[in-house]
Each structure stands twice: as C-alpha cells, then as structure tokens.
Amino acid sequence: MKYDVITLGSISTDIFMVTHSPRIELIRLHGHEDLGIPVGGKLLVDETHTAIGGGGANCAVNFSTLGFKTGYLGKCGADARGDQLLAELKREKVAFLGPRAGETGLSCILSGIKNRTIFSYRGTNNDLHAREVPWKKLRARWLYLGSFLGESWKTSLKIADYARQNNTPLSWNPSIYLCEMGAKKLKPVLDACSILILNKEEAQALSGTKKETASLLRELHKLVPLVVITDGPNGADSYDGKEHWHITPKDVPVVEPTGAGDSFASTFVAAQLLGLDVPTSLQWGAAQANSVIRQFGATHDLLTRKEIEKAAKTSGTLRRV
C-alpha cells in the first residue's frame, strides 16, 4: 500500500485545564514573565477539555481531513490512553504504522492565564527504535517528520537516510529541544529535507543567533531548499532562494493556540503536495491555523479541502518582501 503522506512524530493525550484563579500571579524573573503559584496549595479549575495531541498525530489527522491517504508512525503506549488515541486515529481514517509499548505521552495544558503553559510527559514517544520501524510500509509520496527525542531521535537519522535513498520528499518541523542542538548535529536530517518549517525561536536556536526573520530565512536556506518561519500572530515568512513571502493572518478570536503550529505546517505541506505555489500554501496554512485556534485541541475544528480553498482567500494579508 502506498500512502500520499506518512507523518512521523509524537502522539499524546492533551488535557486542557482552564483557570482564572486569583491565586495565580504573573511575576517577572530573569527577564521574562513567570507564573507564581502557591506551593502546597489547591487551585480551582473552571473547565477541562481532552483531545488527541502530539505533532505526529495532529498532523496525520489534518492530512486525512484534507483528503490525503495518510499513515502515522510513532510509538503509542500499551495502555488505556493509547487505546483511545488509536481509536481516534481510526475514526479519522489514519493508518497506525508503529509499535505499542510502555506508557502513552500526556500533556497538561494550563490555559486562561494570559498564555498557555504546557506540562509535557513524553512517555514512550522517546523510545521508537529503528528495528521497530516497518520500513517496507514507508511507501509514500511524502514523509512529514515532526520532533523525536531520545532513542527516537536516533531513528530520525535513519528515516532521513531512508528518504534520501528512496528519493522521497521530506519536510521537517523540529522542536526547540532539537534546534538547540545546533545545525551541525542536525545536518543528517537537514541534508534530506526539502521543506523546513519552524517558529522564530526555533530558527534562532538552530542558527545560534538572535537575528530577525529575513536574515534567518537566508541563513537556513543554505541548509534546506525551502524555509518557512512562523511567528504567532505576527504571521509567517517563506524563502526559496528567489522569493521572500510574508503573510499576516487576519485577526480572529483566540480560544487556545496549542496545535496552531502543527496545523499551519502540515497544511502548508499539503498545499505543496497538491502542486500549489508557495504564496497559496501560506494562505492555506494560515486558514487552517485560524480555524484551529478557535477551539480547544489541534484537531477539533479542522477545515476540509473544499472549506480551506474558500477560507484561504481571506486568511490573511499576503505580500512579497
């Protein structure tokens, strides 16, 4: 069986806890804002929401919603949470290609205090061994690699090598933890990468500088053919060595921003898979992110391909820089 796209990355249960407790204070330490929470106290939570999470799973559901035959490769725990997550993937018509063992990842997301704060337990996400990868099933038009750590990072290196040897396009959306390792250590994956999508903080960590977006794009383009840098409400920029494009998303009510980056990045790649140009791909990514941030959970309000074709026309202000 050949897939349109296979996503590789983490899977987890996301639990959103919304609180406006007056016992939580914003304090400034070491040049940035922090949460001040009484030690040993109890804080009231106003509402909770539960959703599938993890970059690999989020993006797989998005690709499937956009009409692509999709597989997901990651390591899911052999527990009740894992059962629930895999049932969700099945409902979303995503084929699970990975092994099961250990404890499923879990993220507790504290929301309602200016911006969200995430407590992330990686669980078995870090333990995908190369011997557990069903290499003969990795037949796809595109591989979408998220962020793997630990033993799973070592497996990422072999996946990148597999993509290079089989001439399979690979896009990569690395986390800040990987980017802080620096470009030299990430070179084996970067060399196999067709599209690199990351946020501004990650781009600065990867380059080892505090440069602004335009300079970061040009520096990272030396490593990857097409670079996309996102910057939250400030929008996103792309550079392919010839053209620098910027999109400023339209102003929409934000309920919860978690998962917006995954939805933007995977939708951008989806548009590229369909042969659309880079400016249109930015519009598609912005449209999907605009929809996701209106709900709790990265997969609860995804647009279909037909819906996104319409929404992309008004998703933001596009300009050539």
C-alpha atoms as a PDB file:
ATOM      1  CA  MET A   1       0.000   0.000   0.000  1.00  0.00           C
ATOM      2  CA  LYS A   2       1.321   3.448  -0.891  1.00  0.00           C
ATOM      3  CA  TYR A   3       0.256   6.494   1.113  1.00  0.00           C
ATOM      4  CA  ASP A   4       0.071  10.084  -0.004  1.00  0.00           C
ATOM      5  CA  VAL A   5       1.827  11.101   3.185  1.00  0.00           C
ATOM      6  CA  ILE A   6       3.193   9.431   6.306  1.00  0.00           C
ATOM      7  CA  THR A   7       3.691  11.566   9.396  1.00  0.00           C
ATOM      8  CA  LEU A   8       6.307  10.674  11.990  1.00  0.00           C
ATOM      9  CA  GLY A   9       6.354  12.131  15.470  1.00  0.00           C
ATOM     10  CA  SER A  10       4.720  12.098  18.865  1.00  0.00           C
ATOM     11  CA  ILE A  11       1.240  11.086  19.972  1.00  0.00           C
ATOM     12  CA  SER A  12      -0.280  12.020  23.313  1.00  0.00           C
ATOM     13  CA  THR A  13      -3.407  12.788  25.266  1.00  0.00           C
ATOM     14  CA  ASP A  14      -3.835  16.539  25.729  1.00  0.00           C
ATOM     15  CA  ILE A  15      -5.748  17.685  28.809  1.00  0.00           C
ATOM     16  CA  PHE A  16      -6.633  21.377  28.824  1.00  0.00           C
ATOM     17  CA  MET A  17      -7.260  22.940  32.240  1.00  0.00           C
ATOM     18  CA  VAL A  18      -8.759  26.422  32.113  1.00  0.00           C
ATOM     19  CA  THR A  19      -8.396  28.532  35.226  1.00  0.00           C
ATOM     20  CA  HIS A  20      -8.697  32.192  36.128  1.00  0.00           C
ATOM     21  CA  SER A  21      -7.730  31.630  39.750  1.00  0.00           C
ATOM     22  CA  PRO A  22      -6.685  34.843  41.528  1.00  0.00           C
ATOM     23  CA  ARG A  23      -4.149  32.722  43.416  1.00  0.00           C
ATOM     24  CA  ILE A  24      -2.008  32.544  40.279  1.00  0.00           C
ATOM     25  CA  GLU A  25       0.149  35.627  39.793  1.00  0.00           C
ATOM     26  CA  LEU A  26       2.279  36.801  36.918  1.00  0.00           C
ATOM     27  CA  ILE A  27       5.747  37.687  38.156  1.00  0.00           C
ATOM     28  CA  ARG A  28       8.846  38.764  36.273  1.00  0.00           C
ATOM     29  CA  LEU A  29      12.047  36.826  36.848  1.00  0.00           C
ATOM     30  CA  HIS A  30      15.267  36.646  34.845  1.00  0.00           C
ATOM     31  CA  GLY A  31      13.889  38.941  32.148  1.00  0.00           C
ATOM     32  CA  HIS A  32      10.692  37.054  31.365  1.00  0.00           C
ATOM     33  CA  GLU A  33       7.213  36.524  32.783  1.00  0.00           C
ATOM     34  CA  ASP A  34       6.574  33.516  35.011  1.00  0.00           C
ATOM     35  CA  LEU A  35       3.627  32.008  36.839  1.00  0.00           C
ATOM     36  CA  GLY A  36       3.589  32.421  40.604  1.00  0.00           C
ATOM     37  CA  ILE A  37       1.655  29.532  42.154  1.00  0.00           C
ATOM     38  CA  PRO A  38       1.404  28.866  45.925  1.00  0.00           C
ATOM     39  CA  VAL A  39       3.440  25.796  46.876  1.00  0.00           C
ATOM     40  CA  GLY A  40       1.263  23.167  48.532  1.00  0.00           C
ATOM     41  CA  GLY A  41      -1.939  24.973  47.627  1.00  0.00           C
ATOM     42  CA  LYS A  42      -5.012  23.934  45.667  1.00  0.00           C
ATOM     43  CA  LEU A  43      -6.183  25.833  42.600  1.00  0.00           C
ATOM     44  CA  LEU A  44      -9.690  25.693  41.197  1.00  0.00           C
ATOM     45  CA  VAL A  45     -10.074  24.843  37.512  1.00  0.00           C
ATOM     46  CA  ASP A  46     -13.031  26.343  35.632  1.00  0.00           C
ATOM     47  CA  GLU A  47     -13.279  23.814  32.784  1.00  0.00           C
ATOM     48  CA  THR A  48     -11.402  20.949  31.184  1.00  0.00           C
ATOM     49  CA  HIS A  49     -11.126  19.571  27.644  1.00  0.00           C
ATOM     50  CA  THR A  50      -9.430  16.417  26.353  1.00  0.00           C
ATOM     51  CA  ALA A  51      -8.079  15.895  22.839  1.00  0.00           C
ATOM     52  CA  ILE A  52      -5.629  13.874  20.810  1.00  0.00           C
ATOM     53  CA  GLY A  53      -2.246  15.575  20.740  1.00  0.00           C
ATOM     54  CA  GLY A  54       1.371  15.240  19.696  1.00  0.00           C
ATOM     55  CA  GLY A  55       2.821  16.668  16.498  1.00  0.00           C
ATOM     56  CA  GLY A  56       2.823  13.414  14.553  1.00  0.00           C
ATOM     57  CA  ALA A  57      -0.782  12.558  15.368  1.00  0.00           C
ATOM     58  CA  ASN A  58      -2.088  16.125  14.971  1.00  0.00           C
ATOM     59  CA  CYS A  59      -0.607  16.435  11.506  1.00  0.00           C
ATOM     60  CA  ALA A  60      -1.784  12.983  10.450  1.00  0.00           C
ATOM     61  CA  VAL A  61      -5.390  13.854  11.292  1.00  0.00           C
ATOM     62  CA  ASN A  62      -5.044  17.123   9.392  1.00  0.00           C
ATOM     63  CA  PHE A  63      -3.686  15.456   6.251  1.00  0.00           C
ATOM     64  CA  SER A  64      -6.510  12.921   6.371  1.00  0.00           C
ATOM     65  CA  THR A  65      -9.110  15.666   6.827  1.00  0.00           C
ATOM     66  CA  LEU A  66      -7.677  17.357   3.737  1.00  0.00           C
ATOM     67  CA  GLY A  67      -8.329  14.199   1.736  1.00  0.00           C
ATOM     68  CA  PHE A  68      -4.913  12.510   1.704  1.00  0.00           C
ATOM     69  CA  LYS A  69      -4.356   8.789   2.238  1.00  0.00           C
ATOM     70  CA  THR A  70      -2.409   9.073   5.476  1.00  0.00           C
ATOM     71  CA  GLY A  71      -0.291   6.870   7.710  1.00  0.00           C
ATOM     72  CA  TYR A  72       1.144   7.741  11.107  1.00  0.00           C
ATOM     73  CA  LEU A  73       4.366   6.288  12.540  1.00  0.00           C
ATOM     74  CA  GLY A  74       5.199   6.763  16.193  1.00  0.00           C
ATOM     75  CA  LYS A  75       5.253   4.705  19.370  1.00  0.00           C
ATOM     76  CA  CYS A  76       1.995   4.550  21.281  1.00  0.00           C
ATOM     77  CA  GLY A  77       1.667   3.188  24.789  1.00  0.00           C
ATOM     78  CA  ALA A  78       0.090  -0.174  25.519  1.00  0.00           C
ATOM     79  CA  ASP A  79      -2.445   1.350  27.909  1.00  0.00           C
ATOM     80  CA  ALA A  80      -5.997   2.711  28.028  1.00  0.00           C
ATOM     81  CA  ARG A  81      -4.942   6.159  26.780  1.00  0.00           C
ATOM     82  CA  GLY A  82      -3.231   4.509  23.849  1.00  0.00           C
ATOM     83  CA  ASP A  83      -6.388   2.530  23.057  1.00  0.00           C
ATOM     84  CA  GLN A  84      -8.406   5.737  22.980  1.00  0.00           C
ATOM     85  CA  LEU A  85      -5.913   7.571  20.775  1.00  0.00           C
ATOM     86  CA  LEU A  86      -5.658   4.769  18.235  1.00  0.00           C
ATOM     87  CA  ALA A  87      -9.451   4.517  18.109  1.00  0.00           C
ATOM     88  CA  GLU A  88      -9.485   8.238  17.321  1.00  0.00           C
ATOM     89  CA  LEU A  89      -6.937   7.795  14.532  1.00  0.00           C
ATOM     90  CA  LYS A  90      -9.054   5.001  13.072  1.00  0.00           C
ATOM     91  CA  ARG A  91     -12.153   7.227  13.103  1.00  0.00           C
ATOM     92  CA  GLU A  92     -10.122   9.862  11.288  1.00  0.00           C
ATOM     93  CA  LYS A  93      -9.045   7.283   8.664  1.00  0.00           C
ATOM     94  CA  VAL A  94      -5.381   7.398   9.647  1.00  0.00           C
ATOM     95  CA  ALA A  95      -3.437   4.117   9.495  1.00  0.00           C
ATOM     96  CA  PHE A  96      -1.267   3.459  12.555  1.00  0.00           C
ATOM     97  CA  LEU A  97       2.084   2.012  11.456  1.00  0.00           C
ATOM     98  CA  GLY A  98       4.006   1.949  14.720  1.00  0.00           C
ATOM     99  CA  PRO A  99       4.590  -0.334  17.702  1.00  0.00           C
ATOM    100  CA  ARG A 100       2.888  -0.240  21.087  1.00  0.00           C
ATOM    101  CA  ALA A 101       4.695  -0.480  24.403  1.00  0.00           C
ATOM    102  CA  GLY A 102       5.115   1.455  27.628  1.00  0.00           C
ATOM    103  CA  GLU A 103       3.061   4.467  28.703  1.00  0.00           C
ATOM    104  CA  THR A 104       1.400   6.882  26.323  1.00  0.00           C
ATOM    105  CA  GLY A 105       2.532  10.514  26.337  1.00  0.00           C
ATOM    106  CA  LEU A 106       0.475  13.085  28.207  1.00  0.00           C
ATOM    107  CA  SER A 107       0.344  16.873  28.151  1.00  0.00           C
ATOM    108  CA  CYS A 108      -1.444  19.014  30.731  1.00  0.00           C
ATOM    109  CA  ILE A 109      -2.080  22.472  29.306  1.00  0.00           C
ATOM    110  CA  LEU A 110      -2.804  25.257  31.758  1.00  0.00           C
ATOM    111  CA  SER A 111      -4.886  27.881  29.973  1.00  0.00           C
ATOM    112  CA  GLY A 112      -6.591  31.114  30.908  1.00  0.00           C
ATOM    113  CA  ILE A 113      -3.601  32.942  32.408  1.00  0.00           C
ATOM    114  CA  LYS A 114      -2.502  35.294  29.608  1.00  0.00           C
ATOM    115  CA  ASN A 115      -0.939  32.455  27.574  1.00  0.00           C
ATOM    116  CA  ARG A 116      -0.961  28.697  27.906  1.00  0.00           C
ATOM    117  CA  THR A 117       1.660  26.758  29.851  1.00  0.00           C
ATOM    118  CA  ILE A 118       2.301  23.126  28.916  1.00  0.00           C
ATOM    119  CA  PHE A 119       3.457  20.308  31.192  1.00  0.00           C
ATOM    120  CA  SER A 120       4.587  17.586  28.803  1.00  0.00           C
ATOM    121  CA  TYR A 121       5.297  13.941  29.624  1.00  0.00           C
ATOM    122  CA  ARG A 122       6.877  12.284  26.602  1.00  0.00           C
ATOM    123  CA  GLY A 123       6.299   8.720  27.737  1.00  0.00           C
ATOM    124  CA  THR A 124       7.054   6.121  25.102  1.00  0.00           C
ATOM    125  CA  ASN A 125       7.355   8.761  22.351  1.00  0.00           C
ATOM    126  CA  ASN A 126      11.097   8.869  23.009  1.00  0.00           C
ATOM    127  CA  ASP A 127      11.579   5.112  22.625  1.00  0.00           C
ATOM    128  CA  LEU A 128      10.963   4.325  18.950  1.00  0.00           C
ATOM    129  CA  HIS A 129      13.826   2.044  17.891  1.00  0.00           C
ATOM    130  CA  ALA A 130      14.870   1.646  14.276  1.00  0.00           C
ATOM    131  CA  ARG A 131      14.177  -2.088  14.496  1.00  0.00           C
ATOM    132  CA  GLU A 132      10.522  -1.266  15.275  1.00  0.00           C
ATOM    133  CA  VAL A 133      10.016   0.762  12.102  1.00  0.00           C
ATOM    134  CA  PRO A 134       8.090  -1.141   9.384  1.00  0.00           C
ATOM    135  CA  TRP A 135      10.477   0.001   6.655  1.00  0.00           C
ATOM    136  CA  LYS A 136       8.643  -1.860   3.886  1.00  0.00           C
ATOM    137  CA  LYS A 137       5.471   0.103   4.710  1.00  0.00           C
ATOM    138  CA  LEU A 138       7.116   3.532   4.463  1.00  0.00           C
ATOM    139  CA  ARG A 139       5.975   3.887   0.882  1.00  0.00           C
ATOM    140  CA  ALA A 140       4.606   7.387   0.456  1.00  0.00           C
ATOM    141  CA  ARG A 141       4.666  10.375  -1.846  1.00  0.00           C
ATOM    142  CA  TRP A 142       5.835  12.464   1.116  1.00  0.00           C
ATOM    143  CA  LEU A 143       7.271  11.971   4.599  1.00  0.00           C
ATOM    144  CA  TYR A 144       6.391  14.560   7.242  1.00  0.00           C
ATOM    145  CA  LEU A 145       8.786  14.409  10.191  1.00  0.00           C
ATOM    146  CA  GLY A 146       7.907  16.026  13.490  1.00  0.00           C
ATOM    147  CA  SER A 147      10.052  16.117  16.610  1.00  0.00           C
ATOM    148  CA  PHE A 148      11.582  12.948  18.047  1.00  0.00           C
ATOM    149  CA  LEU A 149      13.843  12.914  21.121  1.00  0.00           C
ATOM    150  CA  GLY A 150      15.926  10.271  22.866  1.00  0.00           C
ATOM    151  CA  GLU A 151      16.160   6.915  21.099  1.00  0.00           C
ATOM    152  CA  SER A 152      13.553   8.167  18.647  1.00  0.00           C
ATOM    153  CA  TRP A 153      15.975  10.894  17.525  1.00  0.00           C
ATOM    154  CA  LYS A 154      18.464   8.219  16.502  1.00  0.00           C
ATOM    155  CA  THR A 155      15.657   6.634  14.494  1.00  0.00           C
ATOM    156  CA  SER A 156      15.013  10.015  12.837  1.00  0.00           C
ATOM    157  CA  LEU A 157      18.511   9.873  11.396  1.00  0.00           C
ATOM    158  CA  LYS A 158      17.765   6.513   9.772  1.00  0.00           C
ATOM    159  CA  ILE A 159      14.408   7.790   8.493  1.00  0.00           C
ATOM    160  CA  ALA A 160      16.146  10.758   6.886  1.00  0.00           C
ATOM    161  CA  ASP A 161      18.640   8.412   5.272  1.00  0.00           C
ATOM    162  CA  TYR A 162      15.770   6.224   4.042  1.00  0.00           C
ATOM    163  CA  ALA A 163      14.075   9.262   2.477  1.00  0.00           C
ATOM    164  CA  ARG A 164      17.285  10.325   0.759  1.00  0.00           C
ATOM    165  CA  GLN A 165      17.998   6.850  -0.628  1.00  0.00           C
ATOM    166  CA  ASN A 166      14.444   6.425  -1.918  1.00  0.00           C
ATOM    167  CA  ASN A 167      14.115   9.982  -3.297  1.00  0.00           C
ATOM    168  CA  THR A 168      11.103  10.612  -1.060  1.00  0.00           C
ATOM    169  CA  PRO A 169      10.485  14.301  -0.256  1.00  0.00           C
ATOM    170  CA  LEU A 170      10.823  15.014   3.453  1.00  0.00           C
ATOM    171  CA  SER A 171       9.572  18.013   5.402  1.00  0.00           C
ATOM    172  CA  TRP A 172      10.670  18.656   8.963  1.00  0.00           C
ATOM    173  CA  ASN A 173       9.138  20.552  11.859  1.00  0.00           C
ATOM    174  CA  PRO A 174      11.742  20.260  14.676  1.00  0.00           C
ATOM    175  CA  SER A 175      11.117  21.369  18.261  1.00  0.00           C
ATOM    176  CA  ILE A 176      13.145  23.879  20.254  1.00  0.00           C
ATOM    177  CA  TYR A 177      14.825  20.966  22.072  1.00  0.00           C
ATOM    178  CA  LEU A 178      16.260  19.693  18.789  1.00  0.00           C
ATOM    179  CA  CYS A 179      17.088  23.128  17.401  1.00  0.00           C
ATOM    180  CA  GLU A 180      19.172  23.900  20.488  1.00  0.00           C
ATOM    181  CA  MET A 181      21.459  21.028  19.439  1.00  0.00           C
ATOM    182  CA  GLY A 182      22.608  23.226  16.535  1.00  0.00           C
ATOM    183  CA  ALA A 183      22.762  22.795  12.773  1.00  0.00           C
ATOM    184  CA  LYS A 184      25.897  20.646  12.832  1.00  0.00           C
ATOM    185  CA  LYS A 185      24.281  17.846  14.849  1.00  0.00           C
ATOM    186  CA  LEU A 186      21.046  18.105  12.854  1.00  0.00           C
ATOM    187  CA  LYS A 187      22.832  18.070   9.492  1.00  0.00           C
ATOM    188  CA  PRO A 188      21.946  14.450   8.554  1.00  0.00           C
ATOM    189  CA  VAL A 189      18.239  15.291   8.661  1.00  0.00           C
ATOM    190  CA  LEU A 190      18.630  18.771   7.178  1.00  0.00           C
ATOM    191  CA  ASP A 191      20.506  17.275   4.211  1.00  0.00           C
ATOM    192  CA  ALA A 192      17.481  15.075   3.427  1.00  0.00           C
ATOM    193  CA  CYS A 193      14.958  17.843   3.988  1.00  0.00           C
ATOM    194  CA  SER A 194      13.005  19.565   1.200  1.00  0.00           C
ATOM    195  CA  ILE A 195      10.996  21.904   3.440  1.00  0.00           C
ATOM    196  CA  LEU A 196      11.962  23.136   6.896  1.00  0.00           C
ATOM    197  CA  ILE A 197       9.143  24.694   8.949  1.00  0.00           C
ATOM    198  CA  LEU A 198       9.807  26.106  12.400  1.00  0.00           C
ATOM    199  CA  ASN A 199       8.947  29.087  14.555  1.00  0.00           C
ATOM    200  CA  LYS A 200      11.156  32.119  15.077  1.00  0.00           C
ATOM    201  CA  GLU A 201      12.511  30.981  18.450  1.00  0.00           C
ATOM    202  CA  GLU A 202      13.425  27.614  16.957  1.00  0.00           C
ATOM    203  CA  ALA A 203      15.027  29.259  13.931  1.00  0.00           C
ATOM    204  CA  GLN A 204      17.174  31.432  16.186  1.00  0.00           C
ATOM    205  CA  ALA A 205      18.216  28.420  18.258  1.00  0.00           C
ATOM    206  CA  LEU A 206      19.091  26.422  15.144  1.00  0.00           C
ATOM    207  CA  SER A 207      21.165  29.242  13.686  1.00  0.00           C
ATOM    208  CA  GLY A 208      22.731  30.113  17.049  1.00  0.00           C
ATOM    209  CA  THR A 209      21.850  33.796  16.593  1.00  0.00           C
ATOM    210  CA  LYS A 210      19.209  36.321  17.588  1.00  0.00           C
ATOM    211  CA  LYS A 211      18.801  37.623  14.050  1.00  0.00           C
ATOM    212  CA  GLU A 212      15.473  38.760  12.652  1.00  0.00           C
ATOM    213  CA  THR A 213      13.353  36.679  10.307  1.00  0.00           C
ATOM    214  CA  ALA A 214      14.722  37.918   6.964  1.00  0.00           C
ATOM    215  CA  SER A 215      18.292  37.044   7.945  1.00  0.00           C
ATOM    216  CA  LEU A 216      17.249  33.728   9.480  1.00  0.00           C
ATOM    217  CA  LEU A 217      15.499  32.708   6.268  1.00  0.00           C
ATOM    218  CA  ARG A 218      18.580  33.339   4.165  1.00  0.00           C
ATOM    219  CA  GLU A 219      20.897  31.617   6.585  1.00  0.00           C
ATOM    220  CA  LEU A 220      18.729  28.489   6.906  1.00  0.00           C
ATOM    221  CA  HIS A 221      18.136  28.380   3.155  1.00  0.00           C
ATOM    222  CA  LYS A 222      21.812  27.458   2.829  1.00  0.00           C
ATOM    223  CA  LEU A 223      20.807  24.178   4.506  1.00  0.00           C
ATOM    224  CA  VAL A 224      17.336  23.477   3.047  1.00  0.00           C
ATOM    225  CA  PRO A 225      15.710  24.437  -0.301  1.00  0.00           C
ATOM    226  CA  LEU A 226      12.536  25.951   1.182  1.00  0.00           C
ATOM    227  CA  VAL A 227      12.346  27.518   4.655  1.00  0.00           C
ATOM    228  CA  VAL A 228       9.188  28.693   6.433  1.00  0.00           C
ATOM    229  CA  ILE A 229       9.354  30.591   9.734  1.00  0.00           C
ATOM    230  CA  THR A 230       6.221  31.227  11.787  1.00  0.00           C
ATOM    231  CA  ASP A 231       5.845  33.920  14.428  1.00  0.00           C
ATOM    232  CA  GLY A 232       2.419  33.516  16.019  1.00  0.00           C
ATOM    233  CA  PRO A 233       0.058  36.446  15.423  1.00  0.00           C
ATOM    234  CA  ASN A 234       2.835  38.237  13.505  1.00  0.00           C
ATOM    235  CA  GLY A 235       2.389  35.730  10.695  1.00  0.00           C
ATOM    236  CA  ALA A 236       4.740  33.559   8.676  1.00  0.00           C
ATOM    237  CA  ASP A 237       7.528  34.021   6.140  1.00  0.00           C
ATOM    238  CA  SER A 238       8.942  31.779   3.429  1.00  0.00           C
ATOM    239  CA  TYR A 239      12.090  31.839   1.327  1.00  0.00           C
ATOM    240  CA  ASP A 240      13.159  29.548  -1.519  1.00  0.00           C
ATOM    241  CA  GLY A 241      16.312  31.344  -2.581  1.00  0.00           C
ATOM    242  CA  LYS A 242      14.456  33.606  -5.004  1.00  0.00           C
ATOM    243  CA  GLU A 243      11.326  34.959  -3.336  1.00  0.00           C
ATOM    244  CA  HIS A 244      10.573  36.039   0.218  1.00  0.00           C
ATOM    245  CA  TRP A 245       6.851  35.986   1.041  1.00  0.00           C
ATOM    246  CA  HIS A 246       5.098  37.113   4.207  1.00  0.00           C
ATOM    247  CA  ILE A 247       1.542  36.539   5.369  1.00  0.00           C
ATOM    248  CA  THR A 248      -0.102  38.378   8.250  1.00  0.00           C
ATOM    249  CA  PRO A 249      -3.106  36.331   9.415  1.00  0.00           C
ATOM    250  CA  LYS A 250      -6.437  38.002   9.834  1.00  0.00           C
ATOM    251  CA  ASP A 251      -7.493  38.809  13.371  1.00  0.00           C
ATOM    252  CA  VAL A 252      -9.688  36.036  14.795  1.00  0.00           C
ATOM    253  CA  PRO A 253     -10.811  35.277  18.361  1.00  0.00           C
ATOM    254  CA  VAL A 254      -8.257  33.007  20.047  1.00  0.00           C
ATOM    255  CA  VAL A 255      -9.603  30.345  22.383  1.00  0.00           C
ATOM    256  CA  GLU A 256      -6.462  28.177  22.611  1.00  0.00           C
ATOM    257  CA  PRO A 257      -3.324  28.402  20.414  1.00  0.00           C
ATOM    258  CA  THR A 258      -1.956  24.900  21.101  1.00  0.00           C
ATOM    259  CA  GLY A 259      -1.662  22.990  17.825  1.00  0.00           C
ATOM    260  CA  ALA A 260      -1.747  26.055  15.578  1.00  0.00           C
ATOM    261  CA  GLY A 261       1.844  25.432  14.501  1.00  0.00           C
ATOM    262  CA  ASP A 262       1.117  21.813  13.600  1.00  0.00           C
ATOM    263  CA  SER A 263      -1.967  22.766  11.612  1.00  0.00           C
ATOM    264  CA  PHE A 264      -0.144  25.534   9.752  1.00  0.00           C
ATOM    265  CA  ALA A 265       2.894  23.433   8.898  1.00  0.00           C
ATOM    266  CA  SER A 266       1.035  20.323   7.749  1.00  0.00           C
ATOM    267  CA  THR A 267      -1.444  22.359   5.706  1.00  0.00           C
ATOM    268  CA  PHE A 268       1.410  24.225   4.019  1.00  0.00           C
ATOM    269  CA  VAL A 269       2.934  20.867   3.052  1.00  0.00           C
ATOM    270  CA  ALA A 270      -0.478  19.594   1.919  1.00  0.00           C
ATOM    271  CA  ALA A 271      -0.759  22.525  -0.488  1.00  0.00           C
ATOM    272  CA  GLN A 272       2.732  21.768  -1.792  1.00  0.00           C
ATOM    273  CA  LEU A 273       1.711  18.130  -2.304  1.00  0.00           C
ATOM    274  CA  LEU A 274      -1.132  19.386  -4.475  1.00  0.00           C
ATOM    275  CA  GLY A 275       1.302  21.383  -6.582  1.00  0.00           C
ATOM    276  CA  LEU A 276       0.217  24.820  -5.353  1.00  0.00           C
ATOM    277  CA  ASP A 277       2.685  27.688  -5.249  1.00  0.00           C
ATOM    278  CA  VAL A 278       4.323  28.962  -2.071  1.00  0.00           C
ATOM    279  CA  PRO A 279       2.131  32.074  -1.580  1.00  0.00           C
ATOM    280  CA  THR A 280      -1.020  29.968  -1.852  1.00  0.00           C
ATOM    281  CA  SER A 281       0.482  27.406   0.525  1.00  0.00           C
ATOM    282  CA  LEU A 282       0.994  30.191   3.088  1.00  0.00           C
ATOM    283  CA  GLN A 283      -2.646  31.190   2.693  1.00  0.00           C
ATOM    284  CA  TRP A 284      -3.761  27.607   3.208  1.00  0.00           C
ATOM    285  CA  GLY A 285      -1.629  27.255   6.333  1.00  0.00           C
ATOM    286  CA  ALA A 286      -2.965  30.499   7.786  1.00  0.00           C
ATOM    287  CA  ALA A 287      -6.565  29.468   7.089  1.00  0.00           C
ATOM    288  CA  GLN A 288      -6.190  26.183   8.952  1.00  0.00           C
ATOM    289  CA  ALA A 289      -4.390  27.779  11.886  1.00  0.00           C
ATOM    290  CA  ASN A 290      -7.102  30.461  12.077  1.00  0.00           C
ATOM    291  CA  SER A 291      -9.680  27.711  12.442  1.00  0.00           C
ATOM    292  CA  VAL A 292      -7.789  25.612  14.985  1.00  0.00           C
ATOM    293  CA  ILE A 293      -7.164  28.433  17.471  1.00  0.00           C
ATOM    294  CA  ARG A 294     -10.914  28.965  17.859  1.00  0.00           C
ATOM    295  CA  GLN A 295     -11.277  25.640  19.709  1.00  0.00           C
ATOM    296  CA  PHE A 296      -9.548  23.523  22.344  1.00  0.00           C
ATOM    297  CA  GLY A 297      -7.493  20.799  20.698  1.00  0.00           C
ATOM    298  CA  ALA A 298      -5.497  20.768  17.474  1.00  0.00           C
ATOM    299  CA  THR A 299      -7.931  18.556  15.556  1.00  0.00           C
ATOM    300  CA  HIS A 300     -11.397  19.631  16.701  1.00  0.00           C
ATOM    301  CA  ASP A 301     -12.128  22.266  14.061  1.00  0.00           C
ATOM    302  CA  LEU A 302     -10.040  21.345  11.023  1.00  0.00           C
ATOM    303  CA  LEU A 303     -11.189  22.552   7.620  1.00  0.00           C
ATOM    304  CA  THR A 304     -11.688  20.136   4.743  1.00  0.00           C
ATOM    305  CA  ARG A 305     -10.003  20.742   1.401  1.00  0.00           C
ATOM    306  CA  LYS A 306     -13.143  22.337  -0.035  1.00  0.00           C
ATOM    307  CA  GLU A 307     -13.541  24.569   3.003  1.00  0.00           C
ATOM    308  CA  ILE A 308      -9.901  25.608   3.032  1.00  0.00           C
ATOM    309  CA  GLU A 309      -9.928  26.534  -0.660  1.00  0.00           C
ATOM    310  CA  LYS A 310     -12.578  29.109   0.212  1.00  0.00           C
ATOM    311  CA  ALA A 311     -11.151  30.227   3.570  1.00  0.00           C
ATOM    312  CA  ALA A 312      -7.634  30.689   2.170  1.00  0.00           C
ATOM    313  CA  LYS A 313      -8.777  33.620   0.030  1.00  0.00           C
ATOM    314  CA  THR A 314      -9.356  35.725   3.156  1.00  0.00           C
ATOM    315  CA  SER A 315      -6.938  34.055   5.602  1.00  0.00           C
ATOM    316  CA  GLY A 316      -4.550  36.987   5.795  1.00  0.00           C
ATOM    317  CA  THR A 317      -2.637  39.727   4.041  1.00  0.00           C
ATOM    318  CA  LEU A 318      -0.024  38.330   1.670  1.00  0.00           C
ATOM    319  CA  ARG A 319       2.909  40.352   0.337  1.00  0.00           C
ATOM    320  CA  ARG A 320       6.216  39.807  -1.379  1.00  0.00           C
ATOM    321  CA  VAL A 321       9.067  41.180   0.711  1.00  0.00           C
END
